[in-house]
Amino acid sequence: MTEDVRIAEVAALVGDSTRANILAALMGGRALTAGELVHATGVSPQTTSGHLGKLTDGRLIACVKQGRHRYYRIATPRVAEMLESIMAVVADAPPRYRPASKLDEAMRVARTCYDHFAGKLGVGITDALCALGHVTLSDEGGELSESGVAFFEKFGVDLAAASSRRRIFCRPCLDWTERRPHLGGTVGAVLAQRCFDLKWLQRMRDGRALIVTPTGRRGLSDTFGVSL
């Protein structure tokens, strides 16, 4: 019964529309201030503060103090995986009419899924790595081949440091727009960070959508054969 109650508690936290908007905003992978989350939710600062307290108490988000400011982020990668799985379930639900927007299309092309790539970008890179034999994904998880290790090291990724993280090293993550897996886990995270370091992608000001830079278009095409 304890597990049943806990499931209900977590579901209730996620099920509120304002808290769902907060969690969706934090799925961009960045830590945000309460003021930024007020903008994302469209409710008052007092109401947002109350929801942030509930999410923090429920250990779905974490608060980090830096000087006079407090920043909120998704508490753990496991919470992010749960939220992405919910989004995949929602994608299969009966559709509701909502006019398409430029942001919707941008999200489908390239976005962050917490700390790794999703959308056509994430799936395209994953397909390329699997086709080259660098990565093998299954329902049970994923692994890098010897050629994959060599590829990532040549690409400038420190796999030794990445493997020391307390997290699943390599795993598939079901993409809710493409309905196919993209690369998650530590490997997906360090790959995304390397692409950001190379200035191949830029984050949009609001939301999870990404902008592919001209340098990124060339780099993604030359390295992974991905054209966006």
C-alpha atoms as a PDB file:
ATOM      1  CA  MET A   1       0.000   0.000   0.000  1.00  0.00           C
ATOM      2  CA  THR A   2       2.914   2.371   0.682  1.00  0.00           C
ATOM      3  CA  GLU A   3       3.966   2.254  -2.976  1.00  0.00           C
ATOM      4  CA  ASP A   4       0.377   2.874  -4.102  1.00  0.00           C
ATOM      5  CA  VAL A   5       0.124   5.974  -1.937  1.00  0.00           C
ATOM      6  CA  ARG A   6       3.456   7.297  -3.176  1.00  0.00           C
ATOM      7  CA  ILE A   7       2.439   6.803  -6.809  1.00  0.00           C
ATOM      8  CA  ALA A   8      -0.743   8.759  -6.137  1.00  0.00           C
ATOM      9  CA  GLU A   9       1.237  11.551  -4.466  1.00  0.00           C
ATOM     10  CA  VAL A  10       3.638  11.905  -7.395  1.00  0.00           C
ATOM     11  CA  ALA A  11       0.780  11.723  -9.898  1.00  0.00           C
ATOM     12  CA  ALA A  12      -1.057  14.471  -8.030  1.00  0.00           C
ATOM     13  CA  LEU A  13       2.016  16.690  -8.124  1.00  0.00           C
ATOM     14  CA  VAL A  14       2.505  16.235 -11.849  1.00  0.00           C
ATOM     15  CA  GLY A  15      -1.221  16.338 -12.610  1.00  0.00           C
ATOM     16  CA  ASP A  16      -1.755  19.982 -11.677  1.00  0.00           C
ATOM     17  CA  SER A  17      -1.603  22.147 -14.822  1.00  0.00           C
ATOM     18  CA  THR A  18       0.562  24.889 -13.292  1.00  0.00           C
ATOM     19  CA  ARG A  19       3.026  22.422 -11.825  1.00  0.00           C
ATOM     20  CA  ALA A  20       3.079  20.567 -15.153  1.00  0.00           C
ATOM     21  CA  ASN A  21       4.041  23.833 -16.865  1.00  0.00           C
ATOM     22  CA  ILE A  22       6.834  24.368 -14.336  1.00  0.00           C
ATOM     23  CA  LEU A  23       8.198  20.873 -14.921  1.00  0.00           C
ATOM     24  CA  ALA A  24       7.942  21.277 -18.702  1.00  0.00           C
ATOM     25  CA  ALA A  25       9.904  24.537 -18.522  1.00  0.00           C
ATOM     26  CA  LEU A  26      12.625  22.863 -16.450  1.00  0.00           C
ATOM     27  CA  MET A  27      12.859  19.988 -18.940  1.00  0.00           C
ATOM     28  CA  GLY A  28      14.928  22.373 -21.043  1.00  0.00           C
ATOM     29  CA  GLY A  29      17.822  21.386 -18.797  1.00  0.00           C
ATOM     30  CA  ARG A  30      18.505  24.850 -17.396  1.00  0.00           C
ATOM     31  CA  ALA A  31      18.038  25.948 -13.801  1.00  0.00           C
ATOM     32  CA  LEU A  32      15.500  28.788 -13.697  1.00  0.00           C
ATOM     33  CA  THR A  33      14.598  31.412 -11.133  1.00  0.00           C
ATOM     34  CA  ALA A  34      11.123  31.736  -9.651  1.00  0.00           C
ATOM     35  CA  GLY A  35      10.643  34.896 -11.725  1.00  0.00           C
ATOM     36  CA  GLU A  36      11.423  33.047 -14.943  1.00  0.00           C
ATOM     37  CA  LEU A  37       8.989  30.309 -13.962  1.00  0.00           C
ATOM     38  CA  VAL A  38       6.299  32.913 -13.240  1.00  0.00           C
ATOM     39  CA  HIS A  39       6.667  33.965 -16.876  1.00  0.00           C
ATOM     40  CA  ALA A  40       6.456  30.327 -18.015  1.00  0.00           C
ATOM     41  CA  THR A  41       3.315  29.538 -15.993  1.00  0.00           C
ATOM     42  CA  GLY A  42       1.413  32.790 -16.415  1.00  0.00           C
ATOM     43  CA  VAL A  43       0.241  32.829 -12.777  1.00  0.00           C
ATOM     44  CA  SER A  44       1.110  35.117  -9.863  1.00  0.00           C
ATOM     45  CA  PRO A  45       4.452  34.965  -8.046  1.00  0.00           C
ATOM     46  CA  GLN A  46       2.672  33.848  -4.869  1.00  0.00           C
ATOM     47  CA  THR A  47       0.929  30.973  -6.637  1.00  0.00           C
ATOM     48  CA  THR A  48       4.136  29.939  -8.407  1.00  0.00           C
ATOM     49  CA  SER A  49       6.015  29.996  -5.093  1.00  0.00           C
ATOM     50  CA  GLY A  50       3.458  27.662  -3.531  1.00  0.00           C
ATOM     51  CA  HIS A  51       3.753  25.180  -6.400  1.00  0.00           C
ATOM     52  CA  LEU A  52       7.553  25.319  -6.267  1.00  0.00           C
ATOM     53  CA  GLY A  53       7.403  24.450  -2.594  1.00  0.00           C
ATOM     54  CA  LYS A  54       5.206  21.422  -3.250  1.00  0.00           C
ATOM     55  CA  LEU A  55       7.430  20.165  -6.080  1.00  0.00           C
ATOM     56  CA  THR A  56      10.531  20.632  -3.926  1.00  0.00           C
ATOM     57  CA  ASP A  57       8.960  18.819  -0.970  1.00  0.00           C
ATOM     58  CA  GLY A  58       7.998  16.003  -3.341  1.00  0.00           C
ATOM     59  CA  ARG A  59      11.617  15.822  -4.568  1.00  0.00           C
ATOM     60  CA  LEU A  60      10.648  16.358  -8.192  1.00  0.00           C
ATOM     61  CA  ILE A  61      12.680  19.557  -8.369  1.00  0.00           C
ATOM     62  CA  ALA A  62      15.653  20.864  -6.413  1.00  0.00           C
ATOM     63  CA  CYS A  63      16.458  24.399  -5.305  1.00  0.00           C
ATOM     64  CA  VAL A  64      20.009  25.729  -5.571  1.00  0.00           C
ATOM     65  CA  LYS A  65      20.965  28.982  -3.838  1.00  0.00           C
ATOM     66  CA  GLN A  66      23.516  31.222  -5.519  1.00  0.00           C
ATOM     67  CA  GLY A  67      24.051  34.570  -3.868  1.00  0.00           C
ATOM     68  CA  ARG A  68      20.703  36.270  -3.439  1.00  0.00           C
ATOM     69  CA  HIS A  69      19.044  34.121  -6.058  1.00  0.00           C
ATOM     70  CA  ARG A  70      17.420  30.723  -5.949  1.00  0.00           C
ATOM     71  CA  TYR A  71      17.457  28.496  -9.011  1.00  0.00           C
ATOM     72  CA  TYR A  72      15.188  25.525  -9.599  1.00  0.00           C
ATOM     73  CA  ARG A  73      15.973  22.448 -11.677  1.00  0.00           C
ATOM     74  CA  ILE A  74      14.703  18.912 -12.227  1.00  0.00           C
ATOM     75  CA  ALA A  75      15.855  16.946  -9.167  1.00  0.00           C
ATOM     76  CA  THR A  76      17.324  13.883 -10.893  1.00  0.00           C
ATOM     77  CA  PRO A  77      17.649  12.324 -14.363  1.00  0.00           C
ATOM     78  CA  ARG A  78      15.106   9.712 -13.241  1.00  0.00           C
ATOM     79  CA  VAL A  79      12.485  12.435 -12.769  1.00  0.00           C
ATOM     80  CA  ALA A  80      13.266  13.725 -16.266  1.00  0.00           C
ATOM     81  CA  GLU A  81      12.875  10.202 -17.680  1.00  0.00           C
ATOM     82  CA  MET A  82       9.472   9.900 -15.994  1.00  0.00           C
ATOM     83  CA  LEU A  83       8.299  13.205 -17.456  1.00  0.00           C
ATOM     84  CA  GLU A  84       9.481  12.320 -20.965  1.00  0.00           C
ATOM     85  CA  SER A  85       7.659   8.977 -20.695  1.00  0.00           C
ATOM     86  CA  ILE A  86       4.461  10.807 -19.710  1.00  0.00           C
ATOM     87  CA  MET A  87       4.863  13.042 -22.760  1.00  0.00           C
ATOM     88  CA  ALA A  88       5.158   9.942 -24.949  1.00  0.00           C
ATOM     89  CA  VAL A  89       1.911   8.591 -23.472  1.00  0.00           C
ATOM     90  CA  VAL A  90       0.201  11.944 -24.009  1.00  0.00           C
ATOM     91  CA  ALA A  91       1.281  11.909 -27.659  1.00  0.00           C
ATOM     92  CA  ASP A  92      -0.752   8.727 -28.159  1.00  0.00           C
ATOM     93  CA  ALA A  93      -3.860  10.169 -26.478  1.00  0.00           C
ATOM     94  CA  PRO A  94      -6.821  11.500 -28.513  1.00  0.00           C
ATOM     95  CA  PRO A  95      -5.656  14.766 -30.086  1.00  0.00           C
ATOM     96  CA  ARG A  96      -7.035  18.119 -29.018  1.00  0.00           C
ATOM     97  CA  TYR A  97      -7.364  20.891 -31.533  1.00  0.00           C
ATOM     98  CA  ARG A  98      -4.647  23.482 -31.158  1.00  0.00           C
ATOM     99  CA  PRO A  99      -3.386  25.677 -33.989  1.00  0.00           C
ATOM    100  CA  ALA A 100       0.171  24.805 -34.955  1.00  0.00           C
ATOM    101  CA  SER A 101       2.819  27.394 -34.148  1.00  0.00           C
ATOM    102  CA  LYS A 102       6.401  28.106 -35.182  1.00  0.00           C
ATOM    103  CA  LEU A 103       7.526  26.967 -31.722  1.00  0.00           C
ATOM    104  CA  ASP A 104       5.804  23.597 -32.207  1.00  0.00           C
ATOM    105  CA  GLU A 105       7.743  23.027 -35.423  1.00  0.00           C
ATOM    106  CA  ALA A 106      10.987  24.161 -33.806  1.00  0.00           C
ATOM    107  CA  MET A 107      10.393  21.668 -30.967  1.00  0.00           C
ATOM    108  CA  ARG A 108       9.905  18.860 -33.482  1.00  0.00           C
ATOM    109  CA  VAL A 109      13.129  19.705 -35.286  1.00  0.00           C
ATOM    110  CA  ALA A 110      15.510  20.150 -32.350  1.00  0.00           C
ATOM    111  CA  ARG A 111      14.993  20.389 -28.607  1.00  0.00           C
ATOM    112  CA  THR A 112      16.494  19.313 -25.325  1.00  0.00           C
ATOM    113  CA  CYS A 113      15.103  16.377 -23.395  1.00  0.00           C
ATOM    114  CA  TYR A 114      16.453  17.458 -20.003  1.00  0.00           C
ATOM    115  CA  ASP A 115      20.189  17.284 -20.836  1.00  0.00           C
ATOM    116  CA  HIS A 116      20.278  15.412 -24.162  1.00  0.00           C
ATOM    117  CA  PHE A 117      18.976  15.998 -27.694  1.00  0.00           C
ATOM    118  CA  ALA A 118      15.491  15.118 -28.898  1.00  0.00           C
ATOM    119  CA  GLY A 119      13.318  15.679 -31.948  1.00  0.00           C
ATOM    120  CA  LYS A 120      14.591  15.095 -35.475  1.00  0.00           C
ATOM    121  CA  LEU A 121      18.044  16.155 -34.307  1.00  0.00           C
ATOM    122  CA  GLY A 122      18.256  13.626 -31.479  1.00  0.00           C
ATOM    123  CA  VAL A 123      16.770  10.761 -33.460  1.00  0.00           C
ATOM    124  CA  GLY A 124      18.928  11.553 -36.506  1.00  0.00           C
ATOM    125  CA  ILE A 125      22.151  11.485 -34.491  1.00  0.00           C
ATOM    126  CA  THR A 126      21.078   8.272 -32.774  1.00  0.00           C
ATOM    127  CA  ASP A 127      20.231   6.584 -36.073  1.00  0.00           C
ATOM    128  CA  ALA A 128      23.650   7.576 -37.455  1.00  0.00           C
ATOM    129  CA  LEU A 129      25.540   6.245 -34.423  1.00  0.00           C
ATOM    130  CA  CYS A 130      23.633   2.953 -34.562  1.00  0.00           C
ATOM    131  CA  ALA A 131      24.072   2.580 -38.331  1.00  0.00           C
ATOM    132  CA  LEU A 132      27.838   3.075 -37.958  1.00  0.00           C
ATOM    133  CA  GLY A 133      27.950   0.419 -35.263  1.00  0.00           C
ATOM    134  CA  HIS A 134      29.102   2.876 -32.613  1.00  0.00           C
ATOM    135  CA  VAL A 135      26.035   2.418 -30.398  1.00  0.00           C
ATOM    136  CA  THR A 136      23.660  -0.494 -29.824  1.00  0.00           C
ATOM    137  CA  LEU A 137      20.277   0.178 -28.242  1.00  0.00           C
ATOM    138  CA  SER A 138      17.702  -2.294 -26.966  1.00  0.00           C
ATOM    139  CA  ASP A 139      14.732  -2.327 -24.602  1.00  0.00           C
ATOM    140  CA  GLU A 140      17.157  -3.259 -21.817  1.00  0.00           C
ATOM    141  CA  GLY A 141      19.535  -0.329 -22.400  1.00  0.00           C
ATOM    142  CA  GLY A 142      22.453   0.560 -24.621  1.00  0.00           C
ATOM    143  CA  GLU A 143      26.180   0.203 -25.015  1.00  0.00           C
ATOM    144  CA  LEU A 144      29.093   1.625 -26.962  1.00  0.00           C
ATOM    145  CA  SER A 145      31.256  -0.543 -29.204  1.00  0.00           C
ATOM    146  CA  GLU A 146      35.018  -0.165 -29.456  1.00  0.00           C
ATOM    147  CA  SER A 147      34.515   1.959 -32.533  1.00  0.00           C
ATOM    148  CA  GLY A 148      31.993   4.027 -30.576  1.00  0.00           C
ATOM    149  CA  VAL A 149      34.481   4.665 -27.795  1.00  0.00           C
ATOM    150  CA  ALA A 150      37.059   5.736 -30.376  1.00  0.00           C
ATOM    151  CA  PHE A 151      34.517   7.977 -32.118  1.00  0.00           C
ATOM    152  CA  PHE A 152      33.512   9.788 -28.949  1.00  0.00           C
ATOM    153  CA  GLU A 153      37.096  10.279 -27.843  1.00  0.00           C
ATOM    154  CA  LYS A 154      38.002  11.702 -31.248  1.00  0.00           C
ATOM    155  CA  PHE A 155      34.935  13.949 -31.017  1.00  0.00           C
ATOM    156  CA  GLY A 156      36.341  15.393 -27.807  1.00  0.00           C
ATOM    157  CA  VAL A 157      34.217  13.603 -25.203  1.00  0.00           C
ATOM    158  CA  ASP A 158      35.884  12.413 -21.983  1.00  0.00           C
ATOM    159  CA  LEU A 159      34.199   9.031 -21.549  1.00  0.00           C
ATOM    160  CA  ALA A 160      36.280   8.158 -18.483  1.00  0.00           C
ATOM    161  CA  ALA A 161      34.898  11.134 -16.597  1.00  0.00           C
ATOM    162  CA  ALA A 162      31.401  10.489 -17.964  1.00  0.00           C
ATOM    163  CA  SER A 163      31.387   6.879 -16.793  1.00  0.00           C
ATOM    164  CA  SER A 164      32.071   7.957 -13.218  1.00  0.00           C
ATOM    165  CA  ARG A 165      28.688   9.672 -12.942  1.00  0.00           C
ATOM    166  CA  ARG A 166      26.045   7.984 -10.813  1.00  0.00           C
ATOM    167  CA  ARG A 167      23.652   7.476 -13.695  1.00  0.00           C
ATOM    168  CA  ILE A 168      22.758   4.997 -16.421  1.00  0.00           C
ATOM    169  CA  PHE A 169      25.605   5.256 -18.917  1.00  0.00           C
ATOM    170  CA  CYS A 170      23.733   4.664 -22.160  1.00  0.00           C
ATOM    171  CA  ARG A 171      20.024   4.157 -22.752  1.00  0.00           C
ATOM    172  CA  PRO A 172      17.309   4.725 -25.343  1.00  0.00           C
ATOM    173  CA  CYS A 173      14.734   7.412 -24.603  1.00  0.00           C
ATOM    174  CA  LEU A 174      11.455   7.292 -26.539  1.00  0.00           C
ATOM    175  CA  ASP A 175      11.012  10.518 -28.493  1.00  0.00           C
ATOM    176  CA  TRP A 176       7.424  11.720 -28.150  1.00  0.00           C
ATOM    177  CA  THR A 177       7.356  13.591 -31.474  1.00  0.00           C
ATOM    178  CA  GLU A 178       9.288  11.129 -33.627  1.00  0.00           C
ATOM    179  CA  ARG A 179       7.908   8.013 -31.838  1.00  0.00           C
ATOM    180  CA  ARG A 180      11.370   6.474 -32.035  1.00  0.00           C
ATOM    181  CA  PRO A 181      14.307   6.408 -29.607  1.00  0.00           C
ATOM    182  CA  HIS A 182      16.934   9.033 -29.179  1.00  0.00           C
ATOM    183  CA  LEU A 183      20.118   8.644 -27.149  1.00  0.00           C
ATOM    184  CA  GLY A 184      19.793   9.283 -23.411  1.00  0.00           C
ATOM    185  CA  GLY A 185      21.797   8.570 -20.300  1.00  0.00           C
ATOM    186  CA  THR A 186      25.251   9.952 -19.608  1.00  0.00           C
ATOM    187  CA  VAL A 187      26.395   9.374 -23.198  1.00  0.00           C
ATOM    188  CA  GLY A 188      23.517  11.417 -24.584  1.00  0.00           C
ATOM    189  CA  ALA A 189      24.231  14.190 -22.098  1.00  0.00           C
ATOM    190  CA  VAL A 190      27.963  14.507 -22.809  1.00  0.00           C
ATOM    191  CA  LEU A 191      27.341  14.349 -26.551  1.00  0.00           C
ATOM    192  CA  ALA A 192      24.864  17.224 -26.315  1.00  0.00           C
ATOM    193  CA  GLN A 193      27.220  19.268 -24.151  1.00  0.00           C
ATOM    194  CA  ARG A 194      30.041  18.781 -26.652  1.00  0.00           C
ATOM    195  CA  CYS A 195      27.816  20.083 -29.454  1.00  0.00           C
ATOM    196  CA  PHE A 196      26.927  23.125 -27.336  1.00  0.00           C
ATOM    197  CA  ASP A 197      30.620  23.707 -26.616  1.00  0.00           C
ATOM    198  CA  LEU A 198      31.307  23.636 -30.359  1.00  0.00           C
ATOM    199  CA  LYS A 199      28.589  26.315 -30.837  1.00  0.00           C
ATOM    200  CA  TRP A 200      26.652  24.008 -33.116  1.00  0.00           C
ATOM    201  CA  LEU A 201      23.397  24.786 -31.335  1.00  0.00           C
ATOM    202  CA  GLN A 202      21.892  27.635 -29.361  1.00  0.00           C
ATOM    203  CA  ARG A 203      19.015  27.563 -26.902  1.00  0.00           C
ATOM    204  CA  MET A 204      15.952  29.636 -27.670  1.00  0.00           C
ATOM    205  CA  ARG A 205      15.186  32.203 -25.007  1.00  0.00           C
ATOM    206  CA  ASP A 206      12.018  30.457 -23.848  1.00  0.00           C
ATOM    207  CA  GLY A 207      11.327  26.754 -23.892  1.00  0.00           C
ATOM    208  CA  ARG A 208      13.268  23.687 -24.968  1.00  0.00           C
ATOM    209  CA  ALA A 209      13.622  24.352 -28.685  1.00  0.00           C
ATOM    210  CA  LEU A 210      17.106  24.748 -30.160  1.00  0.00           C
ATOM    211  CA  ILE A 211      18.539  26.756 -33.024  1.00  0.00           C
ATOM    212  CA  VAL A 212      21.056  25.029 -35.285  1.00  0.00           C
ATOM    213  CA  THR A 213      23.823  27.475 -36.211  1.00  0.00           C
ATOM    214  CA  PRO A 214      25.426  27.584 -39.673  1.00  0.00           C
ATOM    215  CA  THR A 215      28.535  25.995 -38.127  1.00  0.00           C
ATOM    216  CA  GLY A 216      26.287  23.357 -36.576  1.00  0.00           C
ATOM    217  CA  ARG A 217      24.641  22.509 -39.870  1.00  0.00           C
ATOM    218  CA  ARG A 218      28.022  21.809 -41.397  1.00  0.00           C
ATOM    219  CA  GLY A 219      29.261  19.928 -38.352  1.00  0.00           C
ATOM    220  CA  LEU A 220      26.155  17.771 -38.000  1.00  0.00           C
ATOM    221  CA  SER A 221      26.226  16.950 -41.682  1.00  0.00           C
ATOM    222  CA  ASP A 222      29.944  16.112 -41.790  1.00  0.00           C
ATOM    223  CA  THR A 223      30.006  14.189 -38.504  1.00  0.00           C
ATOM    224  CA  PHE A 224      26.653  12.415 -38.415  1.00  0.00           C
ATOM    225  CA  GLY A 225      25.167  12.896 -41.879  1.00  0.00           C
ATOM    226  CA  VAL A 226      22.254  14.785 -40.297  1.00  0.00           C
ATOM    227  CA  SER A 227      20.617  17.590 -42.299  1.00  0.00           C
ATOM    228  CA  LEU A 228      17.996  19.800 -40.668  1.00  0.00           C
END
